PDB file of N, CA and C in Angstrom:
ATOM      1  N   MET A   1       8.665   1.599 -12.504  1.00  0.00           N
ATOM      2  CA  MET A   1       8.686   2.529 -11.183  1.00  0.00           C
ATOM      3  C   MET A   1       7.332   2.543 -10.459  1.00  0.00           C
ATOM      4  N   LEU A   2       7.347   2.444  -9.438  1.00  0.00           N
ATOM      5  CA  LEU A   2       6.203   2.445  -8.509  1.00  0.00           C
ATOM      6  C   LEU A   2       5.473   3.671  -8.654  1.00  0.00           C
ATOM      7  N   GLU A   3       4.213   3.633  -8.638  1.00  0.00           N
ATOM      8  CA  GLU A   3       3.249   4.722  -8.709  1.00  0.00           C
ATOM      9  C   GLU A   3       3.359   5.988  -7.460  1.00  0.00           C
ATOM     10  N   MET A   4       3.533   5.138  -6.526  1.00  0.00           N
ATOM     11  CA  MET A   4       3.642   5.931  -5.099  1.00  0.00           C
ATOM     12  C   MET A   4       2.407   6.688  -4.861  1.00  0.00           C
ATOM     13  N   LYS A   5       1.224   5.978  -4.613  1.00  0.00           N
ATOM     14  CA  LYS A   5       0.030   6.616  -4.578  1.00  0.00           C
ATOM     15  C   LYS A   5      -0.055   7.459  -3.160  1.00  0.00           C
ATOM     16  N   PRO A   6      -0.696   8.657  -3.187  1.00  0.00           N
ATOM     17  CA  PRO A   6      -0.489   9.598  -1.911  1.00  0.00           C
ATOM     18  C   PRO A   6      -1.488   9.248  -0.930  1.00  0.00           C
ATOM     19  N   SER A   7      -2.454   8.085  -0.826  1.00  0.00           N
ATOM     20  CA  SER A   7      -3.162   7.928   0.260  1.00  0.00           C
ATOM     21  C   SER A   7      -3.713   6.390   0.442  1.00  0.00           C
ATOM     22  N   CYS A   8      -4.022   6.160   1.823  1.00  0.00           N
ATOM     23  CA  CYS A   8      -4.576   4.784   2.029  1.00  0.00           C
ATOM     24  C   CYS A   8      -5.861   4.547   1.313  1.00  0.00           C
ATOM     25  N   GLU A   9      -6.132   3.535   0.742  1.00  0.00           N
ATOM     26  CA  GLU A   9      -7.142   3.275  -0.290  1.00  0.00           C
ATOM     27  C   GLU A   9      -8.456   2.889   0.628  1.00  0.00           C
ATOM     28  N   HIS A  10      -8.353   2.525   1.910  1.00  0.00           N
ATOM     29  CA  HIS A  10      -9.238   2.187   3.035  1.00  0.00           C
ATOM     30  C   HIS A  10      -9.747   3.654   3.814  1.00  0.00           C
ATOM     31  N   CYS A  11      -8.810   4.212   4.387  1.00  0.00           N
ATOM     32  CA  CYS A  11      -9.156   5.291   5.225  1.00  0.00           C
ATOM     33  C   CYS A  11      -8.730   6.666   4.692  1.00  0.00           C
ATOM     34  N   ASP A  12      -8.195   6.561   3.644  1.00  0.00           N
ATOM     35  CA  ASP A  12      -7.803   7.906   2.818  1.00  0.00           C
ATOM     36  C   ASP A  12      -6.803   8.829   3.729  1.00  0.00           C
ATOM     37  N   MET A  13      -6.066   8.201   4.658  1.00  0.00           N
ATOM     38  CA  MET A  13      -4.835   8.738   5.315  1.00  0.00           C
ATOM     39  C   MET A  13      -3.686   9.163   4.313  1.00  0.00           C
ATOM     40  N   ASP A  14      -3.444  10.336   4.363  1.00  0.00           N
ATOM     41  CA  ASP A  14      -2.215  10.836   3.556  1.00  0.00           C
ATOM     42  C   ASP A  14      -0.849  10.032   3.874  1.00  0.00           C
ATOM     43  N   LEU A  15      -0.503   9.468   2.603  1.00  0.00           N
ATOM     44  CA  LEU A  15       0.565   8.793   2.574  1.00  0.00           C
ATOM     45  C   LEU A  15       1.782   9.498   1.714  1.00  0.00           C
ATOM     46  N   PRO A  16       2.415  10.790   2.088  1.00  0.00           N
ATOM     47  CA  PRO A  16       3.158  11.152   1.120  1.00  0.00           C
ATOM     48  C   PRO A  16       4.526  10.396   0.817  1.00  0.00           C
ATOM     49  N   ASN A  17       5.526  10.706   0.122  1.00  0.00           N
ATOM     50  CA  ASN A  17       6.621   9.920  -0.378  1.00  0.00           C
ATOM     51  C   ASN A  17       7.502   9.590   0.742  1.00  0.00           C
ATOM     52  N   GLU A  18       7.629  10.509   1.602  1.00  0.00           N
ATOM     53  CA  GLU A  18       8.344  10.282   2.978  1.00  0.00           C
ATOM     54  C   GLU A  18       7.654   9.404   4.038  1.00  0.00           C
ATOM     55  N   SER A  19       6.390   9.204   3.680  1.00  0.00           N
ATOM     56  CA  SER A  19       5.665   8.327   4.880  1.00  0.00           C
ATOM     57  C   SER A  19       6.468   7.025   5.226  1.00  0.00           C
ATOM     58  N   SER A  20       6.422   6.728   6.488  1.00  0.00           N
ATOM     59  CA  SER A  20       6.843   5.448   6.939  1.00  0.00           C
ATOM     60  C   SER A  20       5.671   4.388   7.225  1.00  0.00           C
ATOM     61  N   GLU A  21       4.425   4.921   6.866  1.00  0.00           N
ATOM     62  CA  GLU A  21       3.273   4.238   7.443  1.00  0.00           C
ATOM     63  C   GLU A  21       2.631   3.684   5.945  1.00  0.00           C
ATOM     64  N   ALA A  22       3.360   3.859   4.939  1.00  0.00           N
ATOM     65  CA  ALA A  22       2.674   3.348   3.647  1.00  0.00           C
ATOM     66  C   ALA A  22       3.141   2.130   3.410  1.00  0.00           C
ATOM     67  N   MET A  23       2.004   0.981   2.951  1.00  0.00           N
ATOM     68  CA  MET A  23       2.181  -0.400   2.726  1.00  0.00           C
ATOM     69  C   MET A  23       1.827  -0.584   1.523  1.00  0.00           C
ATOM     70  N   ILE A  24       2.570  -1.392   0.601  1.00  0.00           N
ATOM     71  CA  ILE A  24       1.926  -1.873  -0.601  1.00  0.00           C
ATOM     72  C   ILE A  24       1.949  -3.411  -0.600  1.00  0.00           C
ATOM     73  N   CYS A  25       1.118  -3.877  -1.469  1.00  0.00           N
ATOM     74  CA  CYS A  25       1.453  -5.359  -2.065  1.00  0.00           C
ATOM     75  C   CYS A  25       1.980  -5.218  -3.346  1.00  0.00           C
ATOM     76  N   SER A  26       2.098  -6.651  -4.048  1.00  0.00           N
ATOM     77  CA  SER A  26       2.896  -6.520  -5.248  1.00  0.00           C
ATOM     78  C   SER A  26       2.246  -5.953  -6.316  1.00  0.00           C
ATOM     79  N   TYR A  27       0.941  -5.582  -6.310  1.00  0.00           N
ATOM     80  CA  TYR A  27       0.029  -4.911  -7.211  1.00  0.00           C
ATOM     81  C   TYR A  27       0.284  -3.342  -6.911  1.00  0.00           C
ATOM     82  N   GLU A  28       0.804  -3.073  -6.053  1.00  0.00           N
ATOM     83  CA  GLU A  28       1.040  -1.592  -5.561  1.00  0.00           C
ATOM     84  C   GLU A  28      -0.440  -0.945  -4.949  1.00  0.00           C
ATOM     85  N   CYS A  29      -1.339  -1.980  -4.396  1.00  0.00           N
ATOM     86  CA  CYS A  29      -2.533  -1.633  -3.730  1.00  0.00           C
ATOM     87  C   CYS A  29      -1.644  -1.038  -2.362  1.00  0.00           C
ATOM     88  N   THR A  30      -2.367   0.111  -2.093  1.00  0.00           N
ATOM     89  CA  THR A  30      -1.568   1.063  -1.122  1.00  0.00           C
ATOM     90  C   THR A  30      -2.600   1.256   0.059  1.00  0.00           C
ATOM     91  N   PHE A  31      -2.145   0.961   1.327  1.00  0.00           N
ATOM     92  CA  PHE A  31      -2.729   0.954   2.596  1.00  0.00           C
ATOM     93  C   PHE A  31      -1.964   1.615   3.680  1.00  0.00           C
ATOM     94  N   CYS A  32      -2.471   2.195   4.781  1.00  0.00           N
ATOM     95  CA  CYS A  32      -1.697   2.757   5.814  1.00  0.00           C
ATOM     96  C   CYS A  32      -1.338   1.309   6.597  1.00  0.00           C
ATOM     97  N   ALA A  33      -0.354   1.488   7.644  1.00  0.00           N
ATOM     98  CA  ALA A  33       0.052   0.320   8.357  1.00  0.00           C
ATOM     99  C   ALA A  33      -1.118   0.089   9.213  1.00  0.00           C
ATOM    100  N   ASP A  34      -1.799   1.080   9.921  1.00  0.00           N
ATOM    101  CA  ASP A  34      -2.855   0.696  10.800  1.00  0.00           C
ATOM    102  C   ASP A  34      -3.913  -0.148  10.120  1.00  0.00           C
ATOM    103  N   CYS A  35      -4.337   0.241   8.947  1.00  0.00           N
ATOM    104  CA  CYS A  35      -5.373  -0.288   8.094  1.00  0.00           C
ATOM    105  C   CYS A  35      -4.881  -2.075   7.758  1.00  0.00           C
ATOM    106  N   VAL A  36      -3.579  -1.994   7.470  1.00  0.00           N
ATOM    107  CA  VAL A  36      -3.024  -3.452   7.061  1.00  0.00           C
ATOM    108  C   VAL A  36      -3.123  -4.239   8.438  1.00  0.00           C
ATOM    109  N   SER A  37      -2.687  -3.902   9.388  1.00  0.00           N
ATOM    110  CA  SER A  37      -2.649  -4.583  10.757  1.00  0.00           C
ATOM    111  C   SER A  37      -4.050  -4.788  11.357  1.00  0.00           C
ATOM    112  N   ASP A  38      -4.752  -3.625  11.616  1.00  0.00           N
ATOM    113  CA  ASP A  38      -5.965  -3.558  12.493  1.00  0.00           C
ATOM    114  C   ASP A  38      -7.503  -3.866  11.509  1.00  0.00           C
ATOM    115  N   VAL A  39      -7.298  -3.876  10.277  1.00  0.00           N
ATOM    116  CA  VAL A  39      -8.338  -3.981   9.450  1.00  0.00           C
ATOM    117  C   VAL A  39      -8.302  -5.231   8.698  1.00  0.00           C
ATOM    118  N   LEU A  40      -7.102  -5.224   7.744  1.00  0.00           N
ATOM    119  CA  LEU A  40      -7.037  -6.173   6.668  1.00  0.00           C
ATOM    120  C   LEU A  40      -6.141  -7.257   7.116  1.00  0.00           C
ATOM    121  N   GLU A  41      -5.709  -7.521   8.369  1.00  0.00           N
ATOM    122  CA  GLU A  41      -4.839  -8.641   8.827  1.00  0.00           C
ATOM    123  C   GLU A  41      -3.767  -9.107   7.883  1.00  0.00           C
ATOM    124  N   ASN A  42      -3.162  -8.043   7.263  1.00  0.00           N
ATOM    125  CA  ASN A  42      -2.120  -8.507   6.279  1.00  0.00           C
ATOM    126  C   ASN A  42      -2.609  -9.378   5.003  1.00  0.00           C
ATOM    127  N   VAL A  43      -3.842  -9.002   4.837  1.00  0.00           N
ATOM    128  CA  VAL A  43      -4.446  -9.601   3.409  1.00  0.00           C
ATOM    129  C   VAL A  43      -4.957  -8.749   2.697  1.00  0.00           C
ATOM    130  N   CYS A  44      -4.422  -8.347   1.348  1.00  0.00           N
ATOM    131  CA  CYS A  44      -4.904  -7.536   0.489  1.00  0.00           C
ATOM    132  C   CYS A  44      -6.342  -7.744   0.148  1.00  0.00           C
ATOM    133  N   PRO A  45      -7.134  -6.844   0.271  1.00  0.00           N
ATOM    134  CA  PRO A  45      -8.601  -7.194  -0.096  1.00  0.00           C
ATOM    135  C   PRO A  45      -8.572  -7.154  -1.688  1.00  0.00           C
ATOM    136  N   ASN A  46      -7.854  -6.656  -2.482  1.00  0.00           N
ATOM    137  CA  ASN A  46      -7.811  -6.724  -4.026  1.00  0.00           C
ATOM    138  C   ASN A  46      -7.236  -8.099  -4.588  1.00  0.00           C
ATOM    139  N   CYS A  47      -6.154  -8.568  -3.937  1.00  0.00           N
ATOM    140  CA  CYS A  47      -5.456  -9.619  -4.511  1.00  0.00           C
ATOM    141  C   CYS A  47      -5.267 -10.816  -3.727  1.00  0.00           C
ATOM    142  N   GLY A  48      -5.321 -10.602  -2.496  1.00  0.00           N
ATOM    143  CA  GLY A  48      -5.184 -11.580  -1.369  1.00  0.00           C
ATOM    144  C   GLY A  48      -3.656 -11.816  -1.258  1.00  0.00           C
ATOM    145  N   GLY A  49      -2.768 -11.040  -1.702  1.00  0.00           N
ATOM    146  CA  GLY A  49      -1.435 -11.130  -1.076  1.00  0.00           C
ATOM    147  C   GLY A  49      -1.176 -10.371   0.129  1.00  0.00           C
ATOM    148  N   GLY A  50       0.123 -10.215   0.515  1.00  0.00           N
ATOM    149  CA  GLY A  50       0.610  -9.652   1.653  1.00  0.00           C
ATOM    150  C   GLY A  50       1.044  -8.115   1.376  1.00  0.00           C
ATOM    151  N   PHE A  51       1.645  -7.554   2.519  1.00  0.00           N
ATOM    152  CA  PHE A  51       2.155  -6.119   2.387  1.00  0.00           C
ATOM    153  C   PHE A  51       3.337  -6.038   2.813  1.00  0.00           C
ATOM    154  N   LYS A  52       4.223  -4.956   2.327  1.00  0.00           N
ATOM    155  CA  LYS A  52       5.467  -4.736   2.739  1.00  0.00           C
ATOM    156  C   LYS A  52       5.440  -3.125   2.731  1.00  0.00           C
ATOM    157  N   LYS A  53       6.459  -2.684   3.454  1.00  0.00           N
ATOM    158  CA  LYS A  53       6.600  -1.202   3.523  1.00  0.00           C
ATOM    159  C   LYS A  53       7.020  -0.780   2.273  1.00  0.00           C
ATOM    160  N   ARG A  54       6.298   0.627   1.973  1.00  0.00           N
ATOM    161  CA  ARG A  54       6.636   1.043   0.458  1.00  0.00           C
ATOM    162  C   ARG A  54       7.974   1.876   0.651  1.00  0.00           C
ATOM    163  N   PRO A  55       8.871   1.774  -0.358  1.00  0.00           N
ATOM    164  CA  PRO A  55      10.012   2.509  -0.085  1.00  0.00           C
ATOM    165  C   PRO A  55       9.794   3.880  -0.541  1.00  0.00           C
ATOM    166  N   THR A  56      10.547   4.772  -0.254  1.00  0.00           N
ATOM    167  CA  THR A  56      10.428   6.325  -0.546  1.00  0.00           C
ATOM    168  C   THR A  56      11.476   6.505  -1.883  1.00  0.00           C
ATOM    169  N   ARG A  57      10.891   7.473  -2.591  1.00  0.00           N
ATOM    170  CA  ARG A  57      11.557   7.793  -3.566  1.00  0.00           C
ATOM    171  C   ARG A  57      12.519   8.901  -3.203  1.00  0.00           C
ATOM    172  N   PRO A  58      13.904   9.149  -3.743  1.00  0.00           N
ATOM    173  CA  PRO A  58      14.761   9.675  -3.379  1.00  0.00           C
ATOM    174  C   PRO A  58      14.301  11.141  -3.632  1.00  0.00           C
ATOM    175  N   THR A  59      14.537  12.230  -2.642  1.00  0.00           N
ATOM    176  CA  THR A  59      14.143  13.484  -2.897  1.00  0.00           C
ATOM    177  C   THR A  59      15.287  14.253  -3.516  1.00  0.00           C
ATOM    178  N   LYS A  60      16.610  13.886  -3.425  1.00  0.00           N
ATOM    179  CA  LYS A  60      17.763  14.395  -3.822  1.00  0.00           C
ATOM    180  C   LYS A  60      18.177  13.507  -5.185  1.00  0.00           C
ATOM    181  N   GLU A  61      18.465  14.307  -6.306  1.00  0.00           N
ATOM    182  CA  GLU A  61      19.061  13.791  -7.419  1.00  0.00           C
ATOM    183  C   GLU A  61      20.569  13.100  -7.315  1.00  0.00           C
ATOM    184  N   TRP A  62      20.457  12.054  -6.648  1.00  0.00           N
ATOM    185  CA  TRP A  62      21.816  11.323  -6.445  1.00  0.00           C
ATOM    186  C   TRP A  62      22.316  10.948  -7.837  1.00  0.00           C
ATOM    187  N   CYS A  63      21.466  10.500  -8.605  1.00  0.00           N
ATOM    188  CA  CYS A  63      21.796   9.821  -9.929  1.00  0.00           C
ATOM    189  C   CYS A  63      21.278  10.956 -11.046  1.00  0.00           C
ATOM    190  N   LYS A  64      21.984  11.118 -12.047  1.00  0.00           N
ATOM    191  CA  LYS A  64      21.153  12.176 -13.148  1.00  0.00           C
ATOM    192  C   LYS A  64      19.881  11.812 -13.543  1.00  0.00           C
ATOM    193  N   GLY A  65      18.740  12.596 -13.268  1.00  0.00           N
ATOM    194  CA  GLY A  65      17.753  12.666 -13.872  1.00  0.00           C
ATOM    195  C   GLY A  65      16.771  11.527 -12.957  1.00  0.00           C
ATOM    196  N   VAL A  66      17.252  11.088 -11.800  1.00  0.00           N
ATOM    197  CA  VAL A  66      16.409  10.303 -11.145  1.00  0.00           C
ATOM    198  C   VAL A  66      16.130  10.845  -9.803  1.00  0.00           C
ATOM    199  N   SER A  67      14.962  11.278  -9.474  1.00  0.00           N
ATOM    200  CA  SER A  67      14.566  11.783  -8.082  1.00  0.00           C
ATOM    201  C   SER A  67      13.110  11.941  -7.852  1.00  0.00           C
ATOM    202  N   ALA A  68      12.399  12.236  -6.899  1.00  0.00           N
ATOM    203  CA  ALA A  68      11.090  12.781  -6.886  1.00  0.00           C
ATOM    204  C   ALA A  68      10.729  13.825  -7.703  1.00  0.00           C
ATOM    205  N   GLN A  69      11.707  14.571  -7.862  1.00  0.00           N
ATOM    206  CA  GLN A  69      11.579  15.828  -8.743  1.00  0.00           C
ATOM    207  C   GLN A  69      11.289  15.421 -10.199  1.00  0.00           C
ATOM    208  N   HIS A  70      12.068  14.432 -10.679  1.00  0.00           N
ATOM    209  CA  HIS A  70      11.929  14.020 -12.087  1.00  0.00           C
ATOM    210  C   HIS A  70      10.776  13.125 -12.266  1.00  0.00           C
ATOM    211  N   GLN A  71      10.620  12.222 -11.432  1.00  0.00           N
ATOM    212  CA  GLN A  71       9.608  11.109 -11.434  1.00  0.00           C
ATOM    213  C   GLN A  71       8.762  11.412 -10.340  1.00  0.00           C
ATOM    214  N   PRO A  72       7.787  12.338  -9.957  1.00  0.00           N
ATOM    215  CA  PRO A  72       6.836  12.775  -8.914  1.00  0.00           C
ATOM    216  C   PRO A  72       6.082  11.675  -8.618  1.00  0.00           C
ATOM    217  N   PRO A  73       5.887  11.471  -7.462  1.00  0.00           N
ATOM    218  CA  PRO A  73       4.804  10.603  -7.075  1.00  0.00           C
ATOM    219  C   PRO A  73       3.362  10.792  -7.479  1.00  0.00           C
ATOM    220  N   SER A  74       2.473   9.882  -7.482  1.00  0.00           N
ATOM    221  CA  SER A  74       1.297  10.106  -7.865  1.00  0.00           C
ATOM    222  C   SER A  74       0.562  11.081  -7.202  1.00  0.00           C
ATOM    223  N   ASP A  75      -0.439  11.960  -7.628  1.00  0.00           N
ATOM    224  CA  ASP A  75      -1.267  12.885  -6.646  1.00  0.00           C
ATOM    225  C   ASP A  75      -2.749  12.330  -6.906  1.00  0.00           C
ATOM    226  N   GLU A  76      -2.998  11.225  -7.646  1.00  0.00           N
ATOM    227  CA  GLU A  76      -4.386  10.891  -7.785  1.00  0.00           C
ATOM    228  C   GLU A  76      -4.598   9.681  -6.661  1.00  0.00           C
ATOM    229  N   ARG A  77      -5.619  10.246  -5.859  1.00  0.00           N
ATOM    230  CA  ARG A  77      -6.024   9.381  -4.782  1.00  0.00           C
ATOM    231  C   ARG A  77      -7.153   8.289  -5.102  1.00  0.00           C
ATOM    232  N   CYS A  78      -7.048   7.170  -4.508  1.00  0.00           N
ATOM    233  CA  CYS A  78      -7.758   6.024  -5.002  1.00  0.00           C
ATOM    234  C   CYS A  78      -8.485   5.643  -3.540  1.00  0.00           C
ATOM    235  N   LEU A  79      -9.805   5.903  -3.318  1.00  0.00           N
ATOM    236  CA  LEU A  79     -10.331   5.816  -2.238  1.00  0.00           C
ATOM    237  C   LEU A  79     -11.426   4.656  -2.547  1.00  0.00           C
ATOM    238  N   LYS A  80     -11.245   3.436  -1.916  1.00  0.00           N
ATOM    239  CA  LYS A  80     -12.173   2.200  -2.106  1.00  0.00           C
ATOM    240  C   LYS A  80     -12.332   1.561  -0.699  1.00  0.00           C
ATOM    241  N   PRO A  81     -13.040   2.190   0.033  1.00  0.00           N
ATOM    242  CA  PRO A  81     -13.275   1.647   1.594  1.00  0.00           C
ATOM    243  C   PRO A  81     -13.634   0.162   1.365  1.00  0.00           C
ATOM    244  N   VAL A  82     -12.985  -0.824   2.265  1.00  0.00           N
ATOM    245  CA  VAL A  82     -13.033  -2.026   2.303  1.00  0.00           C
ATOM    246  C   VAL A  82     -14.379  -2.441   2.657  1.00  0.00           C
ATOM    247  N   ASP A  83     -15.142  -3.331   2.292  1.00  0.00           N
ATOM    248  CA  ASP A  83     -16.476  -4.066   2.825  1.00  0.00           C
ATOM    249  C   ASP A  83     -15.972  -4.890   3.922  1.00  0.00           C
ATOM    250  N   LEU A  84     -15.881  -4.482   5.107  1.00  0.00           N
ATOM    251  CA  LEU A  84     -15.372  -5.109   6.191  1.00  0.00           C
ATOM    252  C   LEU A  84     -15.877  -6.542   6.319  1.00  0.00           C
ATOM    253  N   GLU A  85     -17.118  -6.631   6.363  1.00  0.00           N
ATOM    254  CA  GLU A  85     -17.789  -7.940   6.539  1.00  0.00           C
ATOM    255  C   GLU A  85     -17.401  -9.076   5.445  1.00  0.00           C
ATOM    256  N   ALA A  86     -17.369  -8.614   4.145  1.00  0.00           N
ATOM    257  CA  ALA A  86     -16.702  -9.459   3.063  1.00  0.00           C
ATOM    258  C   ALA A  86     -15.366  -9.665   3.244  1.00  0.00           C
ATOM    259  N   HIS A  87     -14.678  -8.758   3.604  1.00  0.00           N
ATOM    260  CA  HIS A  87     -13.322  -8.987   3.816  1.00  0.00           C
ATOM    261  C   HIS A  87     -12.913 -10.015   4.904  1.00  0.00           C
ATOM    262  N   LEU A  88     -13.733  -9.839   5.912  1.00  0.00           N
ATOM    263  CA  LEU A  88     -13.494 -10.919   7.052  1.00  0.00           C
ATOM    264  C   LEU A  88     -13.713 -12.252   6.721  1.00  0.00           C
ATOM    265  N   GLU A  89     -14.530 -12.398   5.918  1.00  0.00           N
ATOM    266  CA  GLU A  89     -14.908 -13.758   5.221  1.00  0.00           C
ATOM    267  C   GLU A  89     -13.700 -14.033   4.111  1.00  0.00           C
ATOM    268  N   PHE A  90     -13.315 -13.424   3.324  1.00  0.00           N
ATOM    269  CA  PHE A  90     -12.243 -13.670   2.433  1.00  0.00           C
ATOM    270  C   PHE A  90     -10.984 -13.751   3.208  1.00  0.00           C
ATOM    271  N   ALA A  91     -10.527 -12.889   4.067  1.00  0.00           N
ATOM    272  CA  ALA A  91      -9.179 -13.066   4.673  1.00  0.00           C
ATOM    273  C   ALA A  91      -9.114 -14.200   5.661  1.00  0.00           C
ATOM    274  N   SER A  92     -10.425 -14.802   6.202  1.00  0.00           N
ATOM    275  CA  SER A  92     -10.241 -15.850   7.249  1.00  0.00           C
ATOM    276  C   SER A  92      -9.867 -17.158   6.426  1.00  0.00           C
ATOM    277  N   ALA A  93     -10.068 -17.307   5.198  1.00  0.00           N
ATOM    278  CA  ALA A  93      -9.529 -18.472   4.552  1.00  0.00           C
ATOM    279  C   ALA A  93      -8.018 -18.505   4.175  1.00  0.00           C
ATOM    280  N   ILE A  94      -7.408 -17.318   4.229  1.00  0.00           N
ATOM    281  CA  ILE A  94      -6.079 -17.435   3.798  1.00  0.00           C
ATOM    282  C   ILE A  94      -4.965 -16.642   4.624  1.00  0.00           C
ATOM    283  N   LYS A  95      -5.515 -16.096   5.708  1.00  0.00           N
ATOM    284  CA  LYS A  95      -4.554 -14.935   6.575  1.00  0.00           C
ATOM    285  C   LYS A  95      -3.524 -15.950   7.080  1.00  0.00           C
ATOM    286  N   LYS A  96      -3.967 -17.151   7.610  1.00  0.00           N
ATOM    287  CA  LYS A  96      -2.896 -17.880   8.122  1.00  0.00           C
ATOM    288  C   LYS A  96      -1.742 -18.634   7.371  1.00  0.00           C
ATOM    289  N   ILE A  97      -2.085 -18.311   6.081  1.00  0.00           N
ATOM    290  CA  ILE A  97      -1.010 -19.004   5.189  1.00  0.00           C
ATOM    291  C   ILE A  97      -0.101 -17.669   4.628  1.00  0.00           C
ATOM    292  N   GLY A  98       1.328 -17.908   4.960  1.00  0.00           N
ATOM    293  CA  GLY A  98       2.134 -16.755   4.705  1.00  0.00           C
ATOM    294  C   GLY A  98       1.959 -16.318   3.401  1.00  0.00           C
ATOM    295  N   PRO A  99       2.117 -14.725   3.177  1.00  0.00           N
ATOM    296  CA  PRO A  99       2.065 -14.259   2.082  1.00  0.00           C
ATOM    297  C   PRO A  99       2.863 -15.126   0.817  1.00  0.00           C
ATOM    298  N   ARG A 100       4.058 -15.468   1.163  1.00  0.00           N
ATOM    299  CA  ARG A 100       4.738 -16.118   0.041  1.00  0.00           C
ATOM    300  C   ARG A 100       4.219 -17.245  -0.559  1.00  0.00           C
ATOM    301  N   ASN A 101       3.353 -17.746   0.273  1.00  0.00           N
ATOM    302  CA  ASN A 101       2.697 -19.157  -0.237  1.00  0.00           C
ATOM    303  C   ASN A 101       1.366 -19.104  -0.453  1.00  0.00           C
ATOM    304  N   ARG A 102       0.771 -17.856  -0.678  1.00  0.00           N
ATOM    305  CA  ARG A 102      -0.772 -17.804  -1.016  1.00  0.00           C
ATOM    306  C   ARG A 102      -0.851 -17.713  -2.472  1.00  0.00           C
TER     307      ARG A 102
END
């Protein structure tokens, strides 16, 4: 089950469960859509992978015991602003390789 982190790791923008701006890599590193496109160039600074929109957890209990009420999103913020200079160097070598081939 996804942890559903509540904020962007770079800029600390709120990314609640229902946010359409939340992006994650396969390791659940969480960033806002603006940081992914404008700062990170779709390269995760933690693993080198790409990003996809994070799904939302159902707020209604459609299936017994399964909903945001029963498995609430995390409230633990993870602020690790990216070292932009180091990331530019890191990303320049791999950003042209599609995420599925990295």
